[in-house]
C-alpha atoms as a PDB file:
ATOM      1  CA  UNK A   1       0.000   0.000   0.000  1.00  0.00           C
ATOM      2  CA  UNK A   2       1.326   3.427  -0.919  1.00  0.00           C
ATOM      3  CA  UNK A   3       1.726   6.016   1.802  1.00  0.00           C
ATOM      4  CA  UNK A   4      -1.035   8.628   1.881  1.00  0.00           C
ATOM      5  CA  UNK A   5       1.336  11.489   1.088  1.00  0.00           C
ATOM      6  CA  UNK A   6       2.382   9.883  -2.212  1.00  0.00           C
ATOM      7  CA  UNK A   7      -1.238   9.258  -3.144  1.00  0.00           C
ATOM      8  CA  UNK A   8      -2.138  12.875  -2.420  1.00  0.00           C
ATOM      9  CA  UNK A   9       0.914  14.127  -4.326  1.00  0.00           C
ATOM     10  CA  UNK A  10      -0.010  11.927  -7.268  1.00  0.00           C
ATOM     11  CA  UNK A  11      -3.545  13.284  -7.295  1.00  0.00           C
ATOM     12  CA  UNK A  12      -2.333  16.879  -7.034  1.00  0.00           C
ATOM     13  CA  UNK A  13       0.113  16.425  -9.908  1.00  0.00           C
ATOM     14  CA  UNK A  14      -2.598  14.956 -12.107  1.00  0.00           C
ATOM     15  CA  UNK A  15      -2.284  11.253 -11.524  1.00  0.00           C
ATOM     16  CA  UNK A  16      -5.272   8.965 -11.259  1.00  0.00           C
ATOM     17  CA  UNK A  17      -6.559   7.957  -7.873  1.00  0.00           C
ATOM     18  CA  UNK A  18      -4.419   5.279  -6.327  1.00  0.00           C
ATOM     19  CA  UNK A  19      -1.456   5.869  -8.717  1.00  0.00           C
ATOM     20  CA  UNK A  20       1.536   7.725  -7.436  1.00  0.00           C
ATOM     21  CA  UNK A  21       3.502   9.833  -9.930  1.00  0.00           C
ATOM     22  CA  UNK A  22       7.241  10.206  -9.812  1.00  0.00           C
ATOM     23  CA  UNK A  23       8.486  13.546  -8.686  1.00  0.00           C
ATOM     24  CA  UNK A  24       9.970  15.525 -11.622  1.00  0.00           C
ATOM     25  CA  UNK A  25      13.539  15.011 -10.385  1.00  0.00           C
ATOM     26  CA  UNK A  26      13.210  11.235 -10.735  1.00  0.00           C
ATOM     27  CA  UNK A  27      11.729  11.202 -14.228  1.00  0.00           C
ATOM     28  CA  UNK A  28      14.146   9.945 -16.857  1.00  0.00           C
ATOM     29  CA  UNK A  29      15.839  12.603 -18.928  1.00  0.00           C
ATOM     30  CA  UNK A  30      15.724  12.353 -22.665  1.00  0.00           C
ATOM     31  CA  UNK A  31      19.108  11.906 -24.284  1.00  0.00           C
ATOM     32  CA  UNK A  32      19.597  13.385 -27.755  1.00  0.00           C
ATOM     33  CA  UNK A  33      21.030  10.778 -30.060  1.00  0.00           C
ATOM     34  CA  UNK A  34      21.588  10.607 -33.795  1.00  0.00           C
ATOM     35  CA  UNK A  35      18.771   8.844 -35.561  1.00  0.00           C
ATOM     36  CA  UNK A  36      19.655   5.268 -36.509  1.00  0.00           C
ATOM     37  CA  UNK A  37      19.453   5.842 -40.301  1.00  0.00           C
ATOM     38  CA  UNK A  38      22.329   8.338 -40.142  1.00  0.00           C
ATOM     39  CA  UNK A  39      24.486   5.946 -38.187  1.00  0.00           C
ATOM     40  CA  UNK A  40      23.740   3.025 -40.477  1.00  0.00           C
ATOM     41  CA  UNK A  41      24.320   5.178 -43.577  1.00  0.00           C
ATOM     42  CA  UNK A  42      27.816   6.044 -42.401  1.00  0.00           C
ATOM     43  CA  UNK A  43      28.706   2.454 -41.586  1.00  0.00           C
ATOM     44  CA  UNK A  44      27.181   1.368 -44.889  1.00  0.00           C
ATOM     45  CA  UNK A  45      29.320   3.915 -46.751  1.00  0.00           C
ATOM     46  CA  UNK A  46      32.449   2.765 -44.938  1.00  0.00           C
ATOM     47  CA  UNK A  47      31.709  -0.883 -45.669  1.00  0.00           C
ATOM     48  CA  UNK A  48      31.251  -0.050 -49.355  1.00  0.00           C
ATOM     49  CA  UNK A  49      34.665   1.626 -49.392  1.00  0.00           C
ATOM     50  CA  UNK A  50      36.250  -1.583 -48.130  1.00  0.00           C
ATOM     51  CA  UNK A  51      34.727  -3.551 -51.032  1.00  0.00           C
ATOM     52  CA  UNK A  52      36.462  -1.570 -53.788  1.00  0.00           C
ATOM     53  CA  UNK A  53      38.881  -3.377 -56.059  1.00  0.00           C
ATOM     54  CA  UNK A  54      42.471  -2.116 -56.081  1.00  0.00           C
ATOM     55  CA  UNK A  55      43.135   0.541 -58.716  1.00  0.00           C
ATOM     56  CA  UNK A  56      45.285  -1.885 -60.708  1.00  0.00           C
ATOM     57  CA  UNK A  57      42.320  -4.305 -60.968  1.00  0.00           C
ATOM     58  CA  UNK A  58      39.744  -1.734 -62.121  1.00  0.00           C
ATOM     59  CA  UNK A  59      40.319  -2.251 -65.884  1.00  0.00           C
ATOM     60  CA  UNK A  60      39.686  -5.991 -65.566  1.00  0.00           C
ATOM     61  CA  UNK A  61      36.649  -5.397 -63.319  1.00  0.00           C
ATOM     62  CA  UNK A  62      35.199  -2.965 -65.867  1.00  0.00           C
ATOM     63  CA  UNK A  63      35.918  -5.340 -68.750  1.00  0.00           C
ATOM     64  CA  UNK A  64      34.199  -8.178 -66.920  1.00  0.00           C
ATOM     65  CA  UNK A  65      31.267  -5.875 -66.178  1.00  0.00           C
ATOM     66  CA  UNK A  66      30.812  -5.143 -69.903  1.00  0.00           C
ATOM     67  CA  UNK A  67      31.016  -8.862 -70.688  1.00  0.00           C
ATOM     68  CA  UNK A  68      28.392  -9.679 -68.060  1.00  0.00           C
ATOM     69  CA  UNK A  69      26.063  -6.920 -69.257  1.00  0.00           C
ATOM     70  CA  UNK A  70      26.218  -8.404 -72.757  1.00  0.00           C
ATOM     71  CA  UNK A  71      25.556 -11.837 -71.269  1.00  0.00           C
ATOM     72  CA  UNK A  72      22.551 -10.419 -69.403  1.00  0.00           C
ATOM     73  CA  UNK A  73      21.119  -8.978 -72.621  1.00  0.00           C
ATOM     74  CA  UNK A  74      21.464 -12.361 -74.342  1.00  0.00           C
ATOM     75  CA  UNK A  75      19.828 -14.179 -71.415  1.00  0.00           C
ATOM     76  CA  UNK A  76      16.887 -11.752 -71.460  1.00  0.00           C
ATOM     77  CA  UNK A  77      16.465 -12.050 -75.228  1.00  0.00           C
ATOM     78  CA  UNK A  78      16.452 -15.843 -74.913  1.00  0.00           C
ATOM     79  CA  UNK A  79      14.043 -15.551 -71.979  1.00  0.00           C
ATOM     80  CA  UNK A  80      16.398 -17.540 -69.765  1.00  0.00           C
ATOM     81  CA  UNK A  81      15.370 -15.672 -66.636  1.00  0.00           C
ATOM     82  CA  UNK A  82      17.189 -17.968 -64.227  1.00  0.00           C
ATOM     83  CA  UNK A  83      20.499 -17.237 -65.979  1.00  0.00           C
ATOM     84  CA  UNK A  84      19.560 -13.551 -66.196  1.00  0.00           C
ATOM     85  CA  UNK A  85      18.993 -13.406 -62.435  1.00  0.00           C
ATOM     86  CA  UNK A  86      22.372 -15.030 -61.743  1.00  0.00           C
ATOM     87  CA  UNK A  87      24.155 -12.657 -64.125  1.00  0.00           C
ATOM     88  CA  UNK A  88      22.306  -9.701 -62.598  1.00  0.00           C
ATOM     89  CA  UNK A  89      23.645 -10.676 -59.178  1.00  0.00           C
ATOM     90  CA  UNK A  90      27.182 -10.986 -60.586  1.00  0.00           C
ATOM     91  CA  UNK A  91      26.824  -7.527 -62.138  1.00  0.00           C
ATOM     92  CA  UNK A  92      25.682  -6.053 -58.818  1.00  0.00           C
ATOM     93  CA  UNK A  93      28.716  -7.555 -57.082  1.00  0.00           C
ATOM     94  CA  UNK A  94      31.117  -6.163 -59.694  1.00  0.00           C
ATOM     95  CA  UNK A  95      29.463  -2.740 -59.617  1.00  0.00           C
ATOM     96  CA  UNK A  96      30.094  -2.597 -55.866  1.00  0.00           C
ATOM     97  CA  UNK A  97      33.834  -2.961 -56.563  1.00  0.00           C
ATOM     98  CA  UNK A  98      34.058   0.073 -58.870  1.00  0.00           C
ATOM     99  CA  UNK A  99      34.358   3.451 -57.110  1.00  0.00           C
ATOM    100  CA  UNK A 100      33.380   5.295 -60.325  1.00  0.00           C
ATOM    101  CA  UNK A 101      29.906   3.761 -60.194  1.00  0.00           C
ATOM    102  CA  UNK A 102      29.460   4.823 -56.580  1.00  0.00           C
ATOM    103  CA  UNK A 103      30.706   8.299 -57.510  1.00  0.00           C
ATOM    104  CA  UNK A 104      28.094   8.614 -60.269  1.00  0.00           C
ATOM    105  CA  UNK A 105      25.352   7.499 -57.865  1.00  0.00           C
ATOM    106  CA  UNK A 106      26.470   9.997 -55.217  1.00  0.00           C
ATOM    107  CA  UNK A 107      26.550  12.822 -57.781  1.00  0.00           C
ATOM    108  CA  UNK A 108      22.957  12.012 -58.756  1.00  0.00           C
ATOM    109  CA  UNK A 109      21.944  11.979 -55.071  1.00  0.00           C
ATOM    110  CA  UNK A 110      23.681  15.322 -54.560  1.00  0.00           C
ATOM    111  CA  UNK A 111      21.855  16.938 -57.481  1.00  0.00           C
ATOM    112  CA  UNK A 112      18.526  15.484 -56.365  1.00  0.00           C
ATOM    113  CA  UNK A 113      19.072  16.629 -52.766  1.00  0.00           C
ATOM    114  CA  UNK A 114      19.869  20.169 -53.870  1.00  0.00           C
ATOM    115  CA  UNK A 115      16.814  20.215 -56.159  1.00  0.00           C
ATOM    116  CA  UNK A 116      14.643  19.038 -53.238  1.00  0.00           C
ATOM    117  CA  UNK A 117      16.381  21.555 -50.931  1.00  0.00           C
ATOM    118  CA  UNK A 118      17.446  18.734 -48.603  1.00  0.00           C
ATOM    119  CA  UNK A 119      20.741  20.367 -47.734  1.00  0.00           C
ATOM    120  CA  UNK A 120      21.635  17.952 -44.953  1.00  0.00           C
ATOM    121  CA  UNK A 121      21.538  15.016 -47.360  1.00  0.00           C
ATOM    122  CA  UNK A 122      23.321  17.128 -49.985  1.00  0.00           C
ATOM    123  CA  UNK A 123      26.141  17.889 -47.547  1.00  0.00           C
ATOM    124  CA  UNK A 124      26.441  14.204 -46.682  1.00  0.00           C
ATOM    125  CA  UNK A 125      26.666  13.268 -50.372  1.00  0.00           C
ATOM    126  CA  UNK A 126      29.261  15.997 -50.964  1.00  0.00           C
ATOM    127  CA  UNK A 127      31.381  14.773 -48.059  1.00  0.00           C
ATOM    128  CA  UNK A 128      31.165  11.175 -49.250  1.00  0.00           C
ATOM    129  CA  UNK A 129      32.241  12.280 -52.740  1.00  0.00           C
ATOM    130  CA  UNK A 130      35.289  13.983 -51.232  1.00  0.00           C
ATOM    131  CA  UNK A 131      36.255  10.808 -49.394  1.00  0.00           C
ATOM    132  CA  UNK A 132      35.653   8.756 -52.527  1.00  0.00           C
ATOM    133  CA  UNK A 133      38.253  10.760 -54.494  1.00  0.00           C
ATOM    134  CA  UNK A 134      41.130   8.811 -52.992  1.00  0.00           C
ATOM    135  CA  UNK A 135      39.778   5.673 -54.706  1.00  0.00           C
ATOM    136  CA  UNK A 136      39.356   7.239 -58.162  1.00  0.00           C
ATOM    137  CA  UNK A 137      42.441   7.134 -60.412  1.00  0.00           C
ATOM    138  CA  UNK A 138      41.598  10.431 -62.143  1.00  0.00           C
ATOM    139  CA  UNK A 139      42.133  12.240 -58.824  1.00  0.00           C
ATOM    140  CA  UNK A 140      45.598  10.793 -58.297  1.00  0.00           C
ATOM    141  CA  UNK A 141      47.402  13.113 -60.712  1.00  0.00           C
ATOM    142  CA  UNK A 142      48.140  16.036 -58.410  1.00  0.00           C
ATOM    143  CA  UNK A 143      51.808  16.818 -57.919  1.00  0.00           C
ATOM    144  CA  UNK A 144      54.912  18.043 -59.684  1.00  0.00           C
ATOM    145  CA  UNK A 145      55.466  16.597 -63.162  1.00  0.00           C
ATOM    146  CA  UNK A 146      58.347  16.869 -65.603  1.00  0.00           C
ATOM    147  CA  UNK A 147      57.402  17.282 -69.235  1.00  0.00           C
ATOM    148  CA  UNK A 148      59.653  17.159 -72.273  1.00  0.00           C
ATOM    149  CA  UNK A 149      58.798  19.774 -74.861  1.00  0.00           C
ATOM    150  CA  UNK A 150      60.582  19.128 -78.190  1.00  0.00           C
ATOM    151  CA  UNK A 151      61.517  22.769 -78.833  1.00  0.00           C
ATOM    152  CA  UNK A 152      62.200  23.749 -75.211  1.00  0.00           C
ATOM    153  CA  UNK A 153      63.487  20.642 -73.380  1.00  0.00           C
ATOM    154  CA  UNK A 154      62.407  19.580 -69.906  1.00  0.00           C
ATOM    155  CA  UNK A 155      59.987  21.783 -67.973  1.00  0.00           C
ATOM    156  CA  UNK A 156      58.228  21.381 -64.634  1.00  0.00           C
ATOM    157  CA  UNK A 157      54.450  21.493 -64.379  1.00  0.00           C
ATOM    158  CA  UNK A 158      52.415  21.510 -61.151  1.00  0.00           C
ATOM    159  CA  UNK A 159      49.132  19.605 -61.496  1.00  0.00           C
ATOM    160  CA  UNK A 160      46.369  20.449 -58.997  1.00  0.00           C
ATOM    161  CA  UNK A 161      42.611  20.296 -58.571  1.00  0.00           C
ATOM    162  CA  UNK A 162      40.134  23.045 -57.896  1.00  0.00           C
ATOM    163  CA  UNK A 163      36.996  21.156 -57.003  1.00  0.00           C
ATOM    164  CA  UNK A 164      36.702  18.508 -59.714  1.00  0.00           C
ATOM    165  CA  UNK A 165      38.670  20.488 -62.303  1.00  0.00           C
ATOM    166  CA  UNK A 166      42.275  19.546 -63.091  1.00  0.00           C
ATOM    167  CA  UNK A 167      44.730  22.386 -63.781  1.00  0.00           C
ATOM    168  CA  UNK A 168      48.401  22.366 -64.753  1.00  0.00           C
ATOM    169  CA  UNK A 169      50.540  25.401 -64.021  1.00  0.00           C
ATOM    170  CA  UNK A 170      54.037  25.889 -65.435  1.00  0.00           C
ATOM    171  CA  UNK A 171      56.769  26.013 -62.803  1.00  0.00           C
ATOM    172  CA  UNK A 172      59.511  26.579 -65.377  1.00  0.00           C
ATOM    173  CA  UNK A 173      58.186  28.619 -68.250  1.00  0.00           C
ATOM    174  CA  UNK A 174      59.071  29.304 -71.856  1.00  0.00           C
ATOM    175  CA  UNK A 175      58.127  31.842 -74.512  1.00  0.00           C
ATOM    176  CA  UNK A 176      54.792  30.126 -75.142  1.00  0.00           C
ATOM    177  CA  UNK A 177      53.634  29.701 -71.524  1.00  0.00           C
ATOM    178  CA  UNK A 178      55.518  31.698 -68.874  1.00  0.00           C
ATOM    179  CA  UNK A 179      56.204  30.350 -65.372  1.00  0.00           C
ATOM    180  CA  UNK A 180      53.174  30.620 -63.074  1.00  0.00           C
ATOM    181  CA  UNK A 181      50.660  30.517 -65.922  1.00  0.00           C
ATOM    182  CA  UNK A 182      48.148  27.716 -66.591  1.00  0.00           C
ATOM    183  CA  UNK A 183      49.435  25.469 -69.346  1.00  0.00           C
ATOM    184  CA  UNK A 184      46.295  23.319 -69.606  1.00  0.00           C
ATOM    185  CA  UNK A 185      42.878  22.827 -68.110  1.00  0.00           C
ATOM    186  CA  UNK A 186      39.729  21.090 -69.349  1.00  0.00           C
ATOM    187  CA  UNK A 187      37.457  23.058 -71.606  1.00  0.00           C
END
Protein backbone atom coordinates (compact mmCIF):
# COMPACT_ATOMS: atom_id res chain seq x y z
CA UNK A 1 0.00 0.00 0.00
CA UNK A 2 1.33 3.43 -0.92
CA UNK A 3 1.73 6.02 1.80
CA UNK A 4 -1.03 8.63 1.88
CA UNK A 5 1.34 11.49 1.09
CA UNK A 6 2.38 9.88 -2.21
CA UNK A 7 -1.24 9.26 -3.14
CA UNK A 8 -2.14 12.87 -2.42
CA UNK A 9 0.91 14.13 -4.33
CA UNK A 10 -0.01 11.93 -7.27
CA UNK A 11 -3.54 13.28 -7.29
CA UNK A 12 -2.33 16.88 -7.03
CA UNK A 13 0.11 16.42 -9.91
CA UNK A 14 -2.60 14.96 -12.11
CA UNK A 15 -2.28 11.25 -11.52
CA UNK A 16 -5.27 8.97 -11.26
CA UNK A 17 -6.56 7.96 -7.87
CA UNK A 18 -4.42 5.28 -6.33
CA UNK A 19 -1.46 5.87 -8.72
CA UNK A 20 1.54 7.72 -7.44
CA UNK A 21 3.50 9.83 -9.93
CA UNK A 22 7.24 10.21 -9.81
CA UNK A 23 8.49 13.55 -8.69
CA UNK A 24 9.97 15.52 -11.62
CA UNK A 25 13.54 15.01 -10.39
CA UNK A 26 13.21 11.24 -10.73
CA UNK A 27 11.73 11.20 -14.23
CA UNK A 28 14.15 9.95 -16.86
CA UNK A 29 15.84 12.60 -18.93
CA UNK A 30 15.72 12.35 -22.66
CA UNK A 31 19.11 11.91 -24.28
CA UNK A 32 19.60 13.39 -27.76
CA UNK A 33 21.03 10.78 -30.06
CA UNK A 34 21.59 10.61 -33.79
CA UNK A 35 18.77 8.84 -35.56
CA UNK A 36 19.65 5.27 -36.51
CA UNK A 37 19.45 5.84 -40.30
CA UNK A 38 22.33 8.34 -40.14
CA UNK A 39 24.49 5.95 -38.19
CA UNK A 40 23.74 3.02 -40.48
CA UNK A 41 24.32 5.18 -43.58
CA UNK A 42 27.82 6.04 -42.40
CA UNK A 43 28.71 2.45 -41.59
CA UNK A 44 27.18 1.37 -44.89
CA UNK A 45 29.32 3.92 -46.75
CA UNK A 46 32.45 2.76 -44.94
CA UNK A 47 31.71 -0.88 -45.67
CA UNK A 48 31.25 -0.05 -49.35
CA UNK A 49 34.66 1.63 -49.39
CA UNK A 50 36.25 -1.58 -48.13
CA UNK A 51 34.73 -3.55 -51.03
CA UNK A 52 36.46 -1.57 -53.79
CA UNK A 53 38.88 -3.38 -56.06
CA UNK A 54 42.47 -2.12 -56.08
CA UNK A 55 43.14 0.54 -58.72
CA UNK A 56 45.29 -1.88 -60.71
CA UNK A 57 42.32 -4.30 -60.97
CA UNK A 58 39.74 -1.73 -62.12
CA UNK A 59 40.32 -2.25 -65.88
CA UNK A 60 39.69 -5.99 -65.57
CA UNK A 61 36.65 -5.40 -63.32
CA UNK A 62 35.20 -2.97 -65.87
CA UNK A 63 35.92 -5.34 -68.75
CA UNK A 64 34.20 -8.18 -66.92
CA UNK A 65 31.27 -5.87 -66.18
CA UNK A 66 30.81 -5.14 -69.90
CA UNK A 67 31.02 -8.86 -70.69
CA UNK A 68 28.39 -9.68 -68.06
CA UNK A 69 26.06 -6.92 -69.26
CA UNK A 70 26.22 -8.40 -72.76
CA UNK A 71 25.56 -11.84 -71.27
CA UNK A 72 22.55 -10.42 -69.40
CA UNK A 73 21.12 -8.98 -72.62
CA UNK A 74 21.46 -12.36 -74.34
CA UNK A 75 19.83 -14.18 -71.42
CA UNK A 76 16.89 -11.75 -71.46
CA UNK A 77 16.46 -12.05 -75.23
CA UNK A 78 16.45 -15.84 -74.91
CA UNK A 79 14.04 -15.55 -71.98
CA UNK A 80 16.40 -17.54 -69.77
CA UNK A 81 15.37 -15.67 -66.64
CA UNK A 82 17.19 -17.97 -64.23
CA UNK A 83 20.50 -17.24 -65.98
CA UNK A 84 19.56 -13.55 -66.20
CA UNK A 85 18.99 -13.41 -62.43
CA UNK A 86 22.37 -15.03 -61.74
CA UNK A 87 24.15 -12.66 -64.12
CA UNK A 88 22.31 -9.70 -62.60
CA UNK A 89 23.65 -10.68 -59.18
CA UNK A 90 27.18 -10.99 -60.59
CA UNK A 91 26.82 -7.53 -62.14
CA UNK A 92 25.68 -6.05 -58.82
CA UNK A 93 28.72 -7.56 -57.08
CA UNK A 94 31.12 -6.16 -59.69
CA UNK A 95 29.46 -2.74 -59.62
CA UNK A 96 30.09 -2.60 -55.87
CA UNK A 97 33.83 -2.96 -56.56
CA UNK A 98 34.06 0.07 -58.87
CA UNK A 99 34.36 3.45 -57.11
CA UNK A 100 33.38 5.30 -60.32
CA UNK A 101 29.91 3.76 -60.19
CA UNK A 102 29.46 4.82 -56.58
CA UNK A 103 30.71 8.30 -57.51
CA UNK A 104 28.09 8.61 -60.27
CA UNK A 105 25.35 7.50 -57.87
CA UNK A 106 26.47 10.00 -55.22
CA UNK A 107 26.55 12.82 -57.78
CA UNK A 108 22.96 12.01 -58.76
CA UNK A 109 21.94 11.98 -55.07
CA UNK A 110 23.68 15.32 -54.56
CA UNK A 111 21.86 16.94 -57.48
CA UNK A 112 18.53 15.48 -56.37
CA UNK A 113 19.07 16.63 -52.77
CA UNK A 114 19.87 20.17 -53.87
CA UNK A 115 16.81 20.21 -56.16
CA UNK A 116 14.64 19.04 -53.24
CA UNK A 117 16.38 21.56 -50.93
CA UNK A 118 17.45 18.73 -48.60
CA UNK A 119 20.74 20.37 -47.73
CA UNK A 120 21.63 17.95 -44.95
CA UNK A 121 21.54 15.02 -47.36
CA UNK A 122 23.32 17.13 -49.99
CA UNK A 123 26.14 17.89 -47.55
CA UNK A 124 26.44 14.20 -46.68
CA UNK A 125 26.67 13.27 -50.37
CA UNK A 126 29.26 16.00 -50.96
CA UNK A 127 31.38 14.77 -48.06
CA UNK A 128 31.16 11.17 -49.25
CA UNK A 129 32.24 12.28 -52.74
CA UNK A 130 35.29 13.98 -51.23
CA UNK A 131 36.26 10.81 -49.39
CA UNK A 132 35.65 8.76 -52.53
CA UNK A 133 38.25 10.76 -54.49
CA UNK A 134 41.13 8.81 -52.99
CA UNK A 135 39.78 5.67 -54.71
CA UNK A 136 39.36 7.24 -58.16
CA UNK A 137 42.44 7.13 -60.41
CA UNK A 138 41.60 10.43 -62.14
CA UNK A 139 42.13 12.24 -58.82
CA UNK A 140 45.60 10.79 -58.30
CA UNK A 141 47.40 13.11 -60.71
CA UNK A 142 48.14 16.04 -58.41
CA UNK A 143 51.81 16.82 -57.92
CA UNK A 144 54.91 18.04 -59.68
CA UNK A 145 55.47 16.60 -63.16
CA UNK A 146 58.35 16.87 -65.60
CA UNK A 147 57.40 17.28 -69.24
CA UNK A 148 59.65 17.16 -72.27
CA UNK A 149 58.80 19.77 -74.86
CA UNK A 150 60.58 19.13 -78.19
CA UNK A 151 61.52 22.77 -78.83
CA UNK A 152 62.20 23.75 -75.21
CA UNK A 153 63.49 20.64 -73.38
CA UNK A 154 62.41 19.58 -69.91
CA UNK A 155 59.99 21.78 -67.97
CA UNK A 156 58.23 21.38 -64.63
CA UNK A 157 54.45 21.49 -64.38
CA UNK A 158 52.41 21.51 -61.15
CA UNK A 159 49.13 19.61 -61.50
CA UNK A 160 46.37 20.45 -59.00
CA UNK A 161 42.61 20.30 -58.57
CA UNK A 162 40.13 23.05 -57.90
CA UNK A 163 37.00 21.16 -57.00
CA UNK A 164 36.70 18.51 -59.71
CA UNK A 165 38.67 20.49 -62.30
CA UNK A 166 42.27 19.55 -63.09
CA UNK A 167 44.73 22.39 -63.78
CA UNK A 168 48.40 22.37 -64.75
CA UNK A 169 50.54 25.40 -64.02
CA UNK A 170 54.04 25.89 -65.44
CA UNK A 171 56.77 26.01 -62.80
CA UNK A 172 59.51 26.58 -65.38
CA UNK A 173 58.19 28.62 -68.25
CA UNK A 174 59.07 29.30 -71.86
CA UNK A 175 58.13 31.84 -74.51
CA UNK A 176 54.79 30.13 -75.14
CA UNK A 177 53.63 29.70 -71.52
CA UNK A 178 55.52 31.70 -68.87
CA UNK A 179 56.20 30.35 -65.37
CA UNK A 180 53.17 30.62 -63.07
CA UNK A 181 50.66 30.52 -65.92
CA UNK A 182 48.15 27.72 -66.59
CA UNK A 183 49.44 25.47 -69.35
CA UNK A 184 46.30 23.32 -69.61
CA UNK A 185 42.88 22.83 -68.11
CA UNK A 186 39.73 21.09 -69.35
CA UNK A 187 37.46 23.06 -71.61
